Amino acid sequence: APVRIGYVQWCPTDWAERAAGVAQLRVDTWVMPSHAQAARVADGSLDVAICWVEQADLHSLGLEARLIGADRLYALSAGQDPSPVDARDVTVLVDSDESSWSSWNRFAEQFA
């Protein structure tokens, strides 16, 4: 059976080629938040998820994780100044819709 992979925002485009000698891959078309993808791995509807997850979530869901990469976050500005922005000078937004934004909210609150 193919290995079922879910992701939040990014998935390597060459994964099928990389894994060709080892396994068939099926990249799931449902792009969902990190907490939802982790829950799908825990309930068996996915085999692997590329997502952001905290150690406490791994423990409570009975999962293990490996770091495969990190994304650069970009700060947006209304002005024309192209200079870098220090993290301490960024205002991070959270959303009241916890079912959709729980993962982001937790990350943003830790970042802030």
Foldseek 3Di string as FASTA:
>chain_A
DAAEEEEAPDDDPCPQVVCVVPGHHDYDPDRAAQVVRLVCCLVPVHVYYHHDDDPVSCVVSVHDDDDPDDDDDDADDPDDDPDDDDLVPGDFDADPPCVRGVVVNVVRVVSD
